[in-house]
């Protein structure tokens, strides 16, 4: 799973580059018709989907060539379990990567949940379309004859029924095994004969182009690639070009771009789109792109051709393959060094009793300490940083639970004794953390010092505050005197100021004899004036 996530993340940049390049080319090449652009975007989607697999295949093929170079010479071969990080271009071996933790599992679970919801939506849409067709009534005979005439004139060989429904807000092409065109009652009653021709031809274009099946494929791809940002954007481009290709189909058969644009605008004025049906294609389903569709229809000098250009699609496919090949040679920006293969699996092939005695080897000590699920790379990192088996055993008994391998390395590098670590666990730090223990050790703060301060009833204080106290030479006796004098709510800054001005327990006791209404600031002021 880590390899899949790593390949997916590293493919986002080249995939976005490919999609952006195609968008720019199609934006500049205004002579390419919508049917050709529609096919080109399908090729782009295929390239985007296959790019992570190609990156993973490239990594697998290039791995043996660099395996020897990426391993330390002094390290023995670790039972063929370690993942070797390989770059796609000649580069120094990657020695450190990103620890993904539980990220791959979280991404997989989220992706699966979102895809499942969208797939269930597709299933619901299919049965909803069947109910709509079952509850619709046949169109008037003259309207059905009008559709049959267009079927013969356009040489559409599918047997398409024409139905009228009061449950839809816009015309729909509901296809698959029993294709039908559904018209709202308002359209049948209010549209003129030429306008109805435009509506019927647009929905008939979906049937002639088999958009019901390609729309199903688009919806399936969009569901399975729901969290892939580039693929989701390409799917939206496919939807847009599909509607524009049907517009071209209508104008190519009627020869009237401006009247068709007027019919399209009037349809959007009269029809209320109640709910998008994901498996149905319709003339008014792409409401957000209406202005763009009408602008394209009214563009001067534009050729309305319903057929795609195979030569242009082939040329763009070759160009995309070249872009994708170049993207595969880009260096990987994200590398995960943790692998799903764990050292605990390695012990399955080790003779029985190997891990029983921690003194047998470092690996046995690792397992005996409870760290047998580390990856081989992590175990080697512990060994390379001088962590001994005895140190690891004592760390595991320090009461901090199971630490990450990098935390153990940091503790060892800062000479944090397991006894010091265990004592720090008991002194009452508010939010004990390994980095805090390391900083306390670096500044020479002893556990006994912290325990004495907290025993006075003051605090608890954070690691940063305790380091400040120790740096200013404050003794635990001052904290006890502050507590006895009623200043347990004094801020760390006030305590440090009191200590810096030489305020000691004797001054506090003397000030307390003259009343308990004095503030700590007043006591310090009297100390400065020599009153006490």
Protein backbone atom coordinates (compact mmCIF):
# COMPACT_ATOMS: atom_id res chain seq x y z
CA UNK A 1 0.00 0.00 0.00
CA UNK A 2 2.90 2.36 0.74
CA UNK A 3 4.30 1.82 -2.77
CA UNK A 4 0.89 2.61 -4.29
CA UNK A 5 0.49 5.83 -2.27
CA UNK A 6 4.06 6.86 -3.02
CA UNK A 7 3.59 6.29 -6.77
CA UNK A 8 0.25 8.12 -6.73
CA UNK A 9 1.64 11.20 -4.96
CA UNK A 10 4.69 11.34 -7.21
CA UNK A 11 2.50 11.04 -10.31
CA UNK A 12 0.34 14.06 -9.45
CA UNK A 13 2.83 16.64 -10.74
CA UNK A 14 3.49 15.00 -14.14
CA UNK A 15 -0.21 14.14 -14.51
CA UNK A 16 -1.16 17.76 -13.84
CA UNK A 17 1.50 18.85 -16.35
CA UNK A 18 0.09 16.54 -19.03
CA UNK A 19 -3.49 17.72 -18.43
CA UNK A 20 -2.44 21.39 -18.44
CA UNK A 21 -0.46 20.95 -21.67
CA UNK A 22 -3.44 19.33 -23.42
CA UNK A 23 -5.76 22.06 -22.16
CA UNK A 24 -3.45 24.76 -23.57
CA UNK A 25 -3.12 22.98 -26.93
CA UNK A 26 -6.88 22.54 -27.26
CA UNK A 27 -7.45 26.12 -26.15
CA UNK A 28 -5.19 27.43 -28.91
CA UNK A 29 -6.27 24.95 -31.60
CA UNK A 30 -9.79 26.28 -32.15
CA UNK A 31 -10.23 24.21 -35.32
CA UNK A 32 -10.49 20.90 -33.42
CA UNK A 33 -14.14 19.87 -33.10
CA UNK A 34 -15.77 18.74 -29.86
CA UNK A 35 -15.92 15.04 -30.80
CA UNK A 36 -12.15 14.98 -31.31
CA UNK A 37 -11.53 16.90 -28.07
CA UNK A 38 -13.82 14.43 -26.30
CA UNK A 39 -11.71 11.48 -27.50
CA UNK A 40 -8.48 13.29 -26.62
CA UNK A 41 -9.62 13.85 -23.03
CA UNK A 42 -10.37 10.14 -22.75
CA UNK A 43 -6.77 9.47 -23.77
CA UNK A 44 -5.61 11.98 -21.14
CA UNK A 45 -7.67 10.17 -18.49
CA UNK A 46 -6.08 6.86 -19.47
CA UNK A 47 -2.59 8.37 -19.20
CA UNK A 48 -3.36 9.90 -15.80
CA UNK A 49 -4.73 6.60 -14.48
CA UNK A 50 -1.82 4.53 -15.78
CA UNK A 51 0.93 6.93 -14.69
CA UNK A 52 1.16 5.68 -11.05
CA UNK A 53 1.39 2.10 -12.30
CA UNK A 54 4.12 3.11 -14.75
CA UNK A 55 6.05 4.88 -11.97
CA UNK A 56 5.79 1.80 -9.74
CA UNK A 57 6.86 -0.46 -12.61
CA UNK A 58 9.79 1.84 -13.33
CA UNK A 59 10.80 1.70 -9.67
CA UNK A 60 10.57 -2.10 -9.63
CA UNK A 61 12.60 -2.49 -12.83
CA UNK A 62 15.30 -0.06 -11.72
CA UNK A 63 15.57 -1.48 -8.22
CA UNK A 64 17.97 -4.38 -8.86
CA UNK A 65 20.43 -2.11 -10.66
CA UNK A 66 20.88 0.13 -7.64
CA UNK A 67 20.31 -2.28 -4.81
CA UNK A 68 23.96 -2.94 -4.19
CA UNK A 69 24.88 0.73 -4.33
CA UNK A 70 22.22 1.73 -1.81
CA UNK A 71 23.30 -0.74 0.90
CA UNK A 72 26.15 -0.01 3.35
CA UNK A 73 29.13 -2.17 2.57
CA UNK A 74 29.52 -3.34 6.15
CA UNK A 75 25.88 -4.33 6.59
CA UNK A 76 24.92 -7.93 5.79
CA UNK A 77 22.03 -8.65 3.48
CA UNK A 78 18.93 -8.38 5.77
CA UNK A 79 17.02 -11.44 4.58
CA UNK A 80 15.83 -9.57 1.45
CA UNK A 81 13.27 -7.65 3.53
CA UNK A 82 14.47 -4.06 3.44
CA UNK A 83 12.99 -1.64 1.00
CA UNK A 84 15.69 0.07 -1.04
CA UNK A 85 14.80 3.63 -2.01
CA UNK A 86 15.61 4.11 -5.68
CA UNK A 87 15.49 7.34 -7.61
CA UNK A 88 14.28 7.42 -11.18
CA UNK A 89 17.28 9.39 -12.34
CA UNK A 90 20.96 9.02 -11.42
CA UNK A 91 21.26 10.60 -7.99
CA UNK A 92 22.89 9.96 -4.63
CA UNK A 93 21.15 7.18 -2.69
CA UNK A 94 18.23 8.41 -0.61
CA UNK A 95 19.17 7.85 3.01
CA UNK A 96 16.14 9.31 4.75
CA UNK A 97 12.56 9.58 3.70
CA UNK A 98 9.16 10.35 5.18
CA UNK A 99 7.68 8.06 7.79
CA UNK A 100 4.10 7.58 6.58
CA UNK A 101 2.87 6.07 9.82
CA UNK A 102 -0.78 5.14 9.38
CA UNK A 103 -1.25 7.48 6.39
CA UNK A 104 -1.52 4.74 3.72
CA UNK A 105 -4.21 2.90 5.67
CA UNK A 106 -6.12 6.15 6.33
CA UNK A 107 -5.97 7.18 2.67
CA UNK A 108 -7.06 3.71 1.53
CA UNK A 109 -9.99 3.68 3.96
CA UNK A 110 -11.14 7.19 2.98
CA UNK A 111 -10.75 6.51 -0.74
CA UNK A 112 -12.67 3.22 -0.44
CA UNK A 113 -15.48 4.87 1.52
CA UNK A 114 -15.89 7.77 -0.93
CA UNK A 115 -15.76 5.45 -3.95
CA UNK A 116 -18.30 3.11 -2.37
CA UNK A 117 -20.71 6.01 -1.75
CA UNK A 118 -20.37 7.19 -5.35
CA UNK A 119 -20.81 3.67 -6.73
CA UNK A 120 -23.95 3.27 -4.64
CA UNK A 121 -25.16 6.56 -6.13
CA UNK A 122 -24.66 5.11 -9.62
CA UNK A 123 -26.68 2.03 -8.66
CA UNK A 124 -29.45 4.20 -7.25
CA UNK A 125 -29.46 6.29 -10.45
CA UNK A 126 -29.85 3.17 -12.59
CA UNK A 127 -32.95 1.99 -10.73
CA UNK A 128 -34.29 5.54 -10.60
CA UNK A 129 -34.06 5.74 -14.40
CA UNK A 130 -35.91 2.44 -14.72
CA UNK A 131 -38.69 3.73 -12.48
CA UNK A 132 -38.90 6.96 -14.48
CA UNK A 133 -39.27 5.08 -17.77
CA UNK A 134 -41.84 2.74 -16.23
CA UNK A 135 -43.97 5.61 -14.92
CA UNK A 136 -43.77 7.72 -18.08
CA UNK A 137 -46.43 7.70 -20.76
CA UNK A 138 -45.80 7.32 -24.51
CA UNK A 139 -45.47 10.56 -26.46
CA UNK A 140 -48.27 11.66 -28.79
CA UNK A 141 -48.22 9.74 -32.09
CA UNK A 142 -47.27 12.79 -34.16
CA UNK A 143 -44.27 13.44 -31.88
CA UNK A 144 -43.17 9.80 -32.11
CA UNK A 145 -43.44 10.01 -35.90
CA UNK A 146 -41.31 13.15 -35.79
CA UNK A 147 -38.62 11.22 -33.86
CA UNK A 148 -38.84 8.23 -36.24
CA UNK A 149 -38.28 10.54 -39.18
CA UNK A 150 -35.14 11.91 -37.60
CA UNK A 151 -33.96 8.38 -36.81
CA UNK A 152 -34.18 7.47 -40.48
CA UNK A 153 -32.68 10.77 -41.68
CA UNK A 154 -29.72 10.56 -39.30
CA UNK A 155 -29.29 6.80 -39.87
CA UNK A 156 -29.46 5.97 -36.17
CA UNK A 157 -29.95 2.23 -35.88
CA UNK A 158 -30.99 2.06 -32.24
CA UNK A 159 -34.65 1.51 -31.41
CA UNK A 160 -35.42 4.61 -29.32
CA UNK A 161 -38.75 5.20 -27.58
CA UNK A 162 -40.13 8.69 -26.88
CA UNK A 163 -41.76 9.17 -23.48
CA UNK A 164 -43.32 12.09 -21.63
CA UNK A 165 -42.99 12.49 -17.86
CA UNK A 166 -44.13 14.97 -15.23
CA UNK A 167 -41.34 13.86 -12.86
CA UNK A 168 -38.38 15.43 -14.66
CA UNK A 169 -37.37 19.03 -15.16
CA UNK A 170 -35.41 18.74 -18.40
CA UNK A 171 -35.13 16.37 -21.40
CA UNK A 172 -33.13 13.21 -20.75
CA UNK A 173 -31.58 10.44 -22.83
CA UNK A 174 -31.98 7.26 -20.77
CA UNK A 175 -30.14 4.52 -22.55
CA UNK A 176 -28.64 1.06 -22.06
CA UNK A 177 -30.63 -2.00 -23.22
CA UNK A 178 -33.95 -0.18 -23.73
CA UNK A 179 -33.04 3.37 -24.77
CA UNK A 180 -35.61 6.11 -24.48
CA UNK A 181 -35.85 9.88 -24.68
CA UNK A 182 -37.84 11.46 -21.85
CA UNK A 183 -39.43 14.88 -22.35
CA UNK A 184 -41.00 17.02 -19.62
CA UNK A 185 -44.66 17.81 -20.17
CA UNK A 186 -43.91 21.53 -20.21
CA UNK A 187 -41.55 21.16 -23.16
CA UNK A 188 -44.11 19.20 -25.18
CA UNK A 189 -46.79 21.79 -24.53
CA UNK A 190 -44.80 25.04 -24.91
CA UNK A 191 -42.15 24.34 -27.55
CA UNK A 192 -42.75 24.91 -31.23
CA UNK A 193 -42.11 22.25 -33.87
CA UNK A 194 -38.60 23.57 -34.79
CA UNK A 195 -37.66 23.86 -31.13
CA UNK A 196 -38.83 20.30 -30.46
CA UNK A 197 -36.70 19.17 -33.41
CA UNK A 198 -33.66 20.69 -31.73
CA UNK A 199 -34.47 18.99 -28.42
CA UNK A 200 -35.07 15.61 -30.05
CA UNK A 201 -31.91 15.85 -32.15
CA UNK A 202 -29.74 16.67 -29.14
CA UNK A 203 -31.03 13.70 -27.16
CA UNK A 204 -30.83 11.56 -30.31
CA UNK A 205 -27.19 12.58 -30.66
CA UNK A 206 -26.50 11.01 -27.26
CA UNK A 207 -28.06 7.78 -28.49
CA UNK A 208 -26.21 7.83 -31.81
CA UNK A 209 -22.89 8.41 -30.04
CA UNK A 210 -23.68 5.71 -27.40
CA UNK A 211 -23.17 8.32 -24.70
CA UNK A 212 -25.27 6.25 -22.31
CA UNK A 213 -22.50 3.64 -22.16
CA UNK A 214 -19.58 6.08 -22.24
CA UNK A 215 -21.32 8.16 -19.56
CA UNK A 216 -21.52 5.03 -17.41
CA UNK A 217 -17.79 4.50 -17.94
CA UNK A 218 -17.13 8.14 -17.00
CA UNK A 219 -19.19 7.85 -13.82
CA UNK A 220 -17.39 4.62 -12.85
CA UNK A 221 -14.01 6.24 -13.46
CA UNK A 222 -15.06 9.31 -11.47
CA UNK A 223 -16.14 7.10 -8.56
CA UNK A 224 -13.00 4.99 -8.48
CA UNK A 225 -10.78 8.07 -8.88
CA UNK A 226 -12.79 10.30 -6.57
CA UNK A 227 -9.78 11.59 -4.58
CA UNK A 228 -7.46 11.97 -7.58
CA UNK A 229 -7.62 15.73 -8.29
CA UNK A 230 -6.27 15.57 -11.85
CA UNK A 231 -8.51 12.66 -12.86
CA UNK A 232 -11.57 14.38 -11.36
CA UNK A 233 -10.80 17.53 -13.37
CA UNK A 234 -10.34 15.52 -16.59
CA UNK A 235 -13.70 13.77 -16.00
CA UNK A 236 -15.38 17.18 -15.86
CA UNK A 237 -13.73 18.13 -19.16
CA UNK A 238 -15.08 14.90 -20.70
CA UNK A 239 -18.61 15.76 -19.54
CA UNK A 240 -18.36 19.24 -21.01
CA UNK A 241 -17.02 18.07 -24.39
CA UNK A 242 -19.72 15.38 -24.60
CA UNK A 243 -22.49 17.98 -24.51
CA UNK A 244 -20.67 20.22 -26.99
CA UNK A 245 -20.16 17.26 -29.34
CA UNK A 246 -23.93 16.70 -29.30
CA UNK A 247 -24.43 20.40 -30.09
CA UNK A 248 -22.14 19.98 -33.11
CA UNK A 249 -24.11 16.88 -34.12
CA UNK A 250 -27.39 18.82 -34.10
CA UNK A 251 -26.04 21.76 -36.10
CA UNK A 252 -24.36 19.41 -38.59
CA UNK A 253 -27.77 17.79 -39.35
CA UNK A 254 -29.84 20.99 -39.36
CA UNK A 255 -27.33 23.53 -40.63
CA UNK A 256 -28.77 26.11 -38.20
CA UNK A 257 -26.44 27.22 -35.41
CA UNK A 258 -28.21 30.42 -34.35
CA UNK A 259 -31.78 28.95 -34.10
CA UNK A 260 -30.38 25.98 -32.15
CA UNK A 261 -28.59 28.36 -29.73
CA UNK A 262 -31.90 30.20 -29.22
CA UNK A 263 -33.69 26.90 -28.50
CA UNK A 264 -30.95 25.98 -26.03
CA UNK A 265 -31.31 29.28 -24.19
CA UNK A 266 -35.12 28.99 -24.07
CA UNK A 267 -34.87 25.45 -22.74
CA UNK A 268 -32.80 26.66 -19.81
CA UNK A 269 -35.36 29.40 -19.16
CA UNK A 270 -38.36 27.06 -19.08
CA UNK A 271 -36.90 23.92 -17.49
CA UNK A 272 -36.23 23.58 -13.78
CA UNK A 273 -33.54 20.96 -13.20
CA UNK A 274 -34.73 19.23 -10.06
CA UNK A 275 -31.92 16.75 -9.53
CA UNK A 276 -29.03 15.58 -11.65
CA UNK A 277 -29.36 11.92 -12.68
CA UNK A 278 -25.80 10.75 -13.06
CA UNK A 279 -26.53 8.01 -15.64
CA UNK A 280 -28.69 10.22 -17.90
CA UNK A 281 -27.45 12.66 -20.51
CA UNK A 282 -29.51 15.71 -21.27
CA UNK A 283 -29.58 18.88 -23.30
CA UNK A 284 -29.93 21.02 -20.14
CA UNK A 285 -27.80 18.96 -17.76
CA UNK A 286 -24.67 21.14 -18.12
CA UNK A 287 -26.24 24.30 -16.83
CA UNK A 288 -22.97 25.78 -15.66
CA UNK A 289 -21.49 25.75 -19.20
CA UNK A 290 -24.53 27.19 -21.03
CA UNK A 291 -22.85 30.51 -21.85
CA UNK A 292 -19.76 28.72 -23.15
CA UNK A 293 -21.83 26.37 -25.32
CA UNK A 294 -23.82 29.22 -26.85
CA UNK A 295 -20.63 31.23 -27.43
CA UNK A 296 -19.09 28.30 -29.33
CA UNK A 297 -22.29 27.83 -31.38
CA UNK A 298 -22.29 31.47 -32.46
CA UNK A 299 -18.55 31.67 -33.22
CA UNK A 300 -17.97 32.80 -36.79
CA UNK A 301 -16.24 30.53 -39.24
CA UNK A 302 -16.64 27.44 -37.06
CA UNK A 303 -17.09 24.08 -38.80
CA UNK A 304 -19.70 21.81 -37.16
CA UNK A 305 -18.56 18.25 -37.86
CA UNK A 306 -19.97 15.35 -35.81
CA UNK A 307 -17.13 12.90 -36.54
CA UNK A 308 -13.83 12.80 -34.72
CA UNK A 309 -10.50 13.16 -36.47
CA UNK A 310 -8.60 9.89 -35.99
CA UNK A 311 -5.36 11.49 -37.22
CA UNK A 312 -5.52 14.26 -34.63
CA UNK A 313 -6.37 11.83 -31.84
CA UNK A 314 -3.43 9.61 -32.87
CA UNK A 315 -1.07 12.60 -33.00
CA UNK A 316 -2.17 13.79 -29.57
CA UNK A 317 -1.83 10.26 -28.21
CA UNK A 318 1.79 10.11 -29.37
CA UNK A 319 2.42 13.52 -27.82
CA UNK A 320 0.86 12.41 -24.53
CA UNK A 321 2.94 9.24 -24.44
CA UNK A 322 6.03 11.42 -24.88
CA UNK A 323 4.95 13.73 -22.06
CA UNK A 324 4.23 10.75 -19.82
CA UNK A 325 7.63 9.18 -20.56
CA UNK A 326 9.32 12.45 -19.66
CA UNK A 327 7.29 12.62 -16.45
CA UNK A 328 8.45 9.14 -15.46
CA UNK A 329 12.05 10.35 -15.52
CA UNK A 330 11.36 13.15 -13.07
CA UNK A 331 12.94 12.67 -9.63
CA UNK A 332 10.53 11.51 -6.96
CA UNK A 333 9.70 14.29 -4.50
CA UNK A 334 8.06 12.03 -1.90
CA UNK A 335 9.77 8.93 -0.55
CA UNK A 336 8.45 6.72 2.24
CA UNK A 337 11.15 4.72 3.99
CA UNK A 338 8.78 2.61 6.10
CA UNK A 339 7.63 -0.56 4.43
CA UNK A 340 4.79 -2.94 5.08
CA UNK A 341 7.32 -5.77 5.41
CA UNK A 342 8.28 -5.95 9.04
CA UNK A 343 11.13 -7.57 10.88
CA UNK A 344 8.64 -9.68 12.80
CA UNK A 345 7.97 -11.55 9.56
CA UNK A 346 11.67 -12.16 9.22
CA UNK A 347 11.64 -14.07 12.48
CA UNK A 348 9.26 -16.54 10.89
CA UNK A 349 12.21 -17.89 8.92
CA UNK A 350 14.67 -17.70 11.84
CA UNK A 351 15.29 -20.94 13.70
CA UNK A 352 13.17 -21.45 16.80
CA UNK A 353 14.68 -20.05 19.98
CA UNK A 354 16.70 -17.38 18.17
CA UNK A 355 14.87 -14.50 19.91
CA UNK A 356 14.65 -16.17 23.31
CA UNK A 357 17.96 -14.77 24.61
CA UNK A 358 18.42 -11.01 24.02
CA UNK A 359 22.19 -11.45 24.25
CA UNK A 360 22.25 -13.64 21.15
CA UNK A 361 22.25 -10.71 18.72
CA UNK A 362 21.04 -7.15 18.32
CA UNK A 363 18.00 -8.35 16.34
CA UNK A 364 17.05 -10.72 19.18
CA UNK A 365 17.38 -7.84 21.66
CA UNK A 366 15.15 -5.70 19.45
CA UNK A 367 12.45 -8.36 19.43
CA UNK A 368 12.78 -9.08 23.15
CA UNK A 369 12.34 -5.35 23.84
CA UNK A 370 9.02 -5.32 22.01
CA UNK A 371 10.24 -3.66 18.81
CA UNK A 372 10.01 -6.66 16.52
CA UNK A 373 7.56 -4.87 14.22
CA UNK A 374 10.13 -2.29 13.09
CA UNK A 375 11.16 -2.38 9.47
CA UNK A 376 14.61 -3.68 8.64
CA UNK A 377 15.73 -0.17 7.68
CA UNK A 378 14.68 1.11 11.10
CA UNK A 379 16.52 -1.69 12.91
CA UNK A 380 19.66 -0.98 10.90
CA UNK A 381 19.31 2.74 11.70
CA UNK A 382 19.26 1.94 15.45
CA UNK A 383 22.39 -0.14 15.10
CA UNK A 384 24.18 2.45 12.96
CA UNK A 385 23.52 5.17 15.55
CA UNK A 386 25.15 3.12 18.30
CA UNK A 387 22.01 1.98 20.13
CA UNK A 388 22.88 -1.21 21.98
CA UNK A 389 20.57 -4.05 22.84
CA UNK A 390 20.95 -3.35 26.57
CA UNK A 391 20.07 0.34 26.08
CA UNK A 392 17.01 -0.63 24.08
CA UNK A 393 15.91 -3.10 26.76
CA UNK A 394 16.18 -0.44 29.49
CA UNK A 395 14.37 2.15 27.39
CA UNK A 396 11.48 -0.27 26.92
CA UNK A 397 11.29 -0.62 30.73
CA UNK A 398 11.36 3.13 31.45
CA UNK A 399 7.58 3.45 31.57
CA UNK A 400 7.13 5.56 28.43
CA UNK A 401 5.48 2.84 26.40
CA UNK A 402 6.66 2.01 22.91
CA UNK A 403 8.75 4.81 21.42
CA UNK A 404 9.42 5.41 17.74
CA UNK A 405 12.81 4.33 16.51
CA UNK A 406 13.80 7.95 15.77
CA UNK A 407 12.97 8.96 19.36
CA UNK A 408 15.28 6.21 20.64
CA UNK A 409 18.03 7.43 18.33
CA UNK A 410 17.58 11.02 19.56
CA UNK A 411 17.66 9.93 23.22
CA UNK A 412 20.86 7.98 22.66
CA UNK A 413 22.48 10.83 20.72
CA UNK A 414 21.82 13.24 23.64
CA UNK A 415 23.13 10.71 26.19
CA UNK A 416 19.78 10.43 27.94
CA UNK A 417 20.14 7.59 30.44
CA UNK A 418 17.15 5.21 30.72
CA UNK A 419 17.14 5.91 34.47
CA UNK A 420 16.86 9.66 33.79
CA UNK A 421 14.03 8.94 31.35
CA UNK A 422 12.18 6.79 33.91
CA UNK A 423 12.60 9.44 36.64
CA UNK A 424 11.27 12.19 34.35
CA UNK A 425 8.16 10.12 33.83
CA UNK A 426 7.39 10.34 37.57
CA UNK A 427 8.08 14.02 38.34
CA UNK A 428 4.72 15.31 37.13
CA UNK A 429 5.39 17.12 33.87
CA UNK A 430 2.00 18.38 32.56
CA UNK A 431 2.41 16.93 29.05
CA UNK A 432 5.44 14.64 29.13
CA UNK A 433 7.09 14.22 25.75
CA UNK A 434 10.42 12.85 24.60
CA UNK A 435 11.58 16.19 23.07
CA UNK A 436 10.94 17.87 26.45
CA UNK A 437 13.04 15.25 28.25
CA UNK A 438 15.86 15.79 25.76
CA UNK A 439 15.78 19.58 26.26
CA UNK A 440 15.76 19.18 30.06
CA UNK A 441 18.77 16.88 29.80
CA UNK A 442 20.60 19.34 27.55
CA UNK A 443 20.11 22.13 30.12
CA UNK A 444 21.16 19.97 33.06
CA UNK A 445 17.78 19.94 34.80
CA UNK A 446 17.69 17.00 37.23
CA UNK A 447 14.52 15.03 38.00
CA UNK A 448 15.05 15.67 41.72
CA UNK A 449 14.97 19.42 41.13
CA UNK A 450 11.58 19.18 39.37
CA UNK A 451 10.20 16.80 42.01
CA UNK A 452 11.20 19.17 44.87
CA UNK A 453 9.50 22.15 43.18
CA UNK A 454 6.29 20.25 42.59
CA UNK A 455 6.41 18.82 46.13
CA UNK A 456 6.11 22.39 47.45
CA UNK A 457 2.63 22.56 45.91
CA UNK A 458 3.61 24.82 43.03
CA UNK A 459 3.07 24.03 39.40
CA UNK A 460 3.12 21.78 37.55
CA UNK A 461 5.40 23.66 35.19
CA UNK A 462 6.25 22.97 31.59
CA UNK A 463 9.68 21.89 30.43
CA UNK A 464 10.44 25.38 29.07
CA UNK A 465 9.50 27.02 32.40
CA UNK A 466 11.58 24.53 34.40
CA UNK A 467 14.57 25.20 32.15
CA UNK A 468 14.15 28.96 32.83
CA UNK A 469 13.99 28.34 36.57
CA UNK A 470 17.19 26.29 36.51
CA UNK A 471 18.94 28.80 34.23
CA UNK A 472 18.21 31.62 36.74
CA UNK A 473 19.43 29.53 39.68
CA UNK A 474 16.09 29.36 41.50
CA UNK A 475 16.08 26.90 44.40
CA UNK A 476 13.13 24.74 45.44
CA UNK A 477 13.11 26.51 48.84
CA UNK A 478 11.93 29.72 47.14
CA UNK A 479 8.91 27.90 45.69
CA UNK A 480 8.00 26.46 49.10
CA UNK A 481 8.27 29.93 50.67
CA UNK A 482 6.05 31.40 47.96
CA UNK A 483 3.48 28.71 48.63
CA UNK A 484 3.57 29.31 52.40
CA UNK A 485 3.19 33.07 51.85
CA UNK A 486 0.10 32.57 49.72
CA UNK A 487 1.70 33.27 46.34
CA UNK A 488 0.96 29.88 44.76
CA UNK A 489 -0.72 31.67 41.83
CA UNK A 490 2.44 33.61 40.95
CA UNK A 491 3.34 33.37 37.29
CA UNK A 492 6.68 31.87 36.21
CA UNK A 493 7.80 35.35 35.12
CA UNK A 494 7.06 36.80 38.57
CA UNK A 495 8.91 33.94 40.25
CA UNK A 496 11.97 34.50 38.06
CA UNK A 497 11.87 38.27 38.79
CA UNK A 498 11.64 37.56 42.51
CA UNK A 499 14.64 35.27 42.38
CA UNK A 500 16.63 37.72 40.22
CA UNK A 501 16.06 40.48 42.80
CA UNK A 502 17.37 38.32 45.62
CA UNK A 503 14.05 37.65 47.28
CA UNK A 504 14.51 34.67 49.61
CA UNK A 505 12.29 32.75 52.07
CA UNK A 506 13.36 35.05 54.92
CA UNK A 507 12.04 38.13 53.13
CA UNK A 508 8.76 36.41 52.44
CA UNK A 509 8.31 35.30 56.06
CA UNK A 510 9.06 38.82 57.33
CA UNK A 511 6.58 40.37 54.90
CA UNK A 512 3.92 37.82 55.92
CA UNK A 513 4.09 39.01 59.58
CA UNK A 514 2.64 42.36 58.55
CA UNK A 515 -0.41 41.04 56.74
CA UNK A 516 -1.32 38.77 53.84
CA UNK A 517 -2.75 41.47 51.56
CA UNK A 518 0.57 42.34 49.99
CA UNK A 519 1.16 41.36 46.41
CA UNK A 520 4.37 39.75 45.26
CA UNK A 521 5.22 42.92 43.37
CA UNK A 522 4.86 44.95 46.60
CA UNK A 523 7.07 42.52 48.49
CA UNK A 524 9.76 42.83 45.81
CA UNK A 525 9.42 46.63 45.92
CA UNK A 526 9.96 46.64 49.70
CA UNK A 527 12.97 44.36 49.23
CA UNK A 528 14.49 46.80 46.73
CA UNK A 529 13.89 49.72 49.10
CA UNK A 530 15.53 47.88 52.00
CA UNK A 531 12.33 47.86 54.05
CA UNK A 532 12.61 44.13 54.62
